[in-house]
Amino acid sequence: MTRYAAFLRGVMPSNCAMPDLTRAFEAAGFADVRTLLSSGNVTFDARAQSAAALERKAEKAIRETLGRDFMTFVRSIEELRAILATDPWRGLRLGADPRRVVTFLREPPDPPPALPLERDGACVWKLEGRELFSAYLPSDKGPVFMTLIQKAIGREQTTRTWQTLEKMAR
């Protein structure tokens, strides 16, 4: 069995309880299902399969069990650890203590976006495979980084903080 992480787009406490999400993943046949936070982060064990196959299986079970649709992005825990072992923000000069985020994609965009994109203390910095790396400084202008991410790659993605990846990889 391989340990995986799933990141669901659009999940929040008001639209999906984590025990229900656990139940849906278990209904898909996944083992040792655990959720982290209340924003659609799930770890589970499954036989080694492609991310696409696991995403389809999870989405089908969520639809059948919860009557909801949440776009799902799967990575193995080993893939997360490999990402965490890098410094994708090397060379980025954004100011003191920027917040770092990773955006998950199903496939690398074709063509890739012209990067970096910067505005109001936010920077969509680098694309590596199916991950987009951004950073921002909190401001009263709201989540400017999300606007830049959508401009760069559209809405078929989900974003998590670097700290969430660290917790998921443990």
Foldseek 3Di string as FASTA:
>chain_A
DFKKKKAWPPWAPVQDDPVLLQVLLVVLVWAPWDADDRHRIIMTDDPDDDQVVSQVSSQVSCCVRVVDGIRMGMDTLVVLVVVLVDDQCVPPDQDPDWWKKKKFANFQDVVAFDDWDDDDQKTQHDDDTGITIITGDDDPVPPVNVVRVCVGPNDRIDMDTNVVSVVSSD
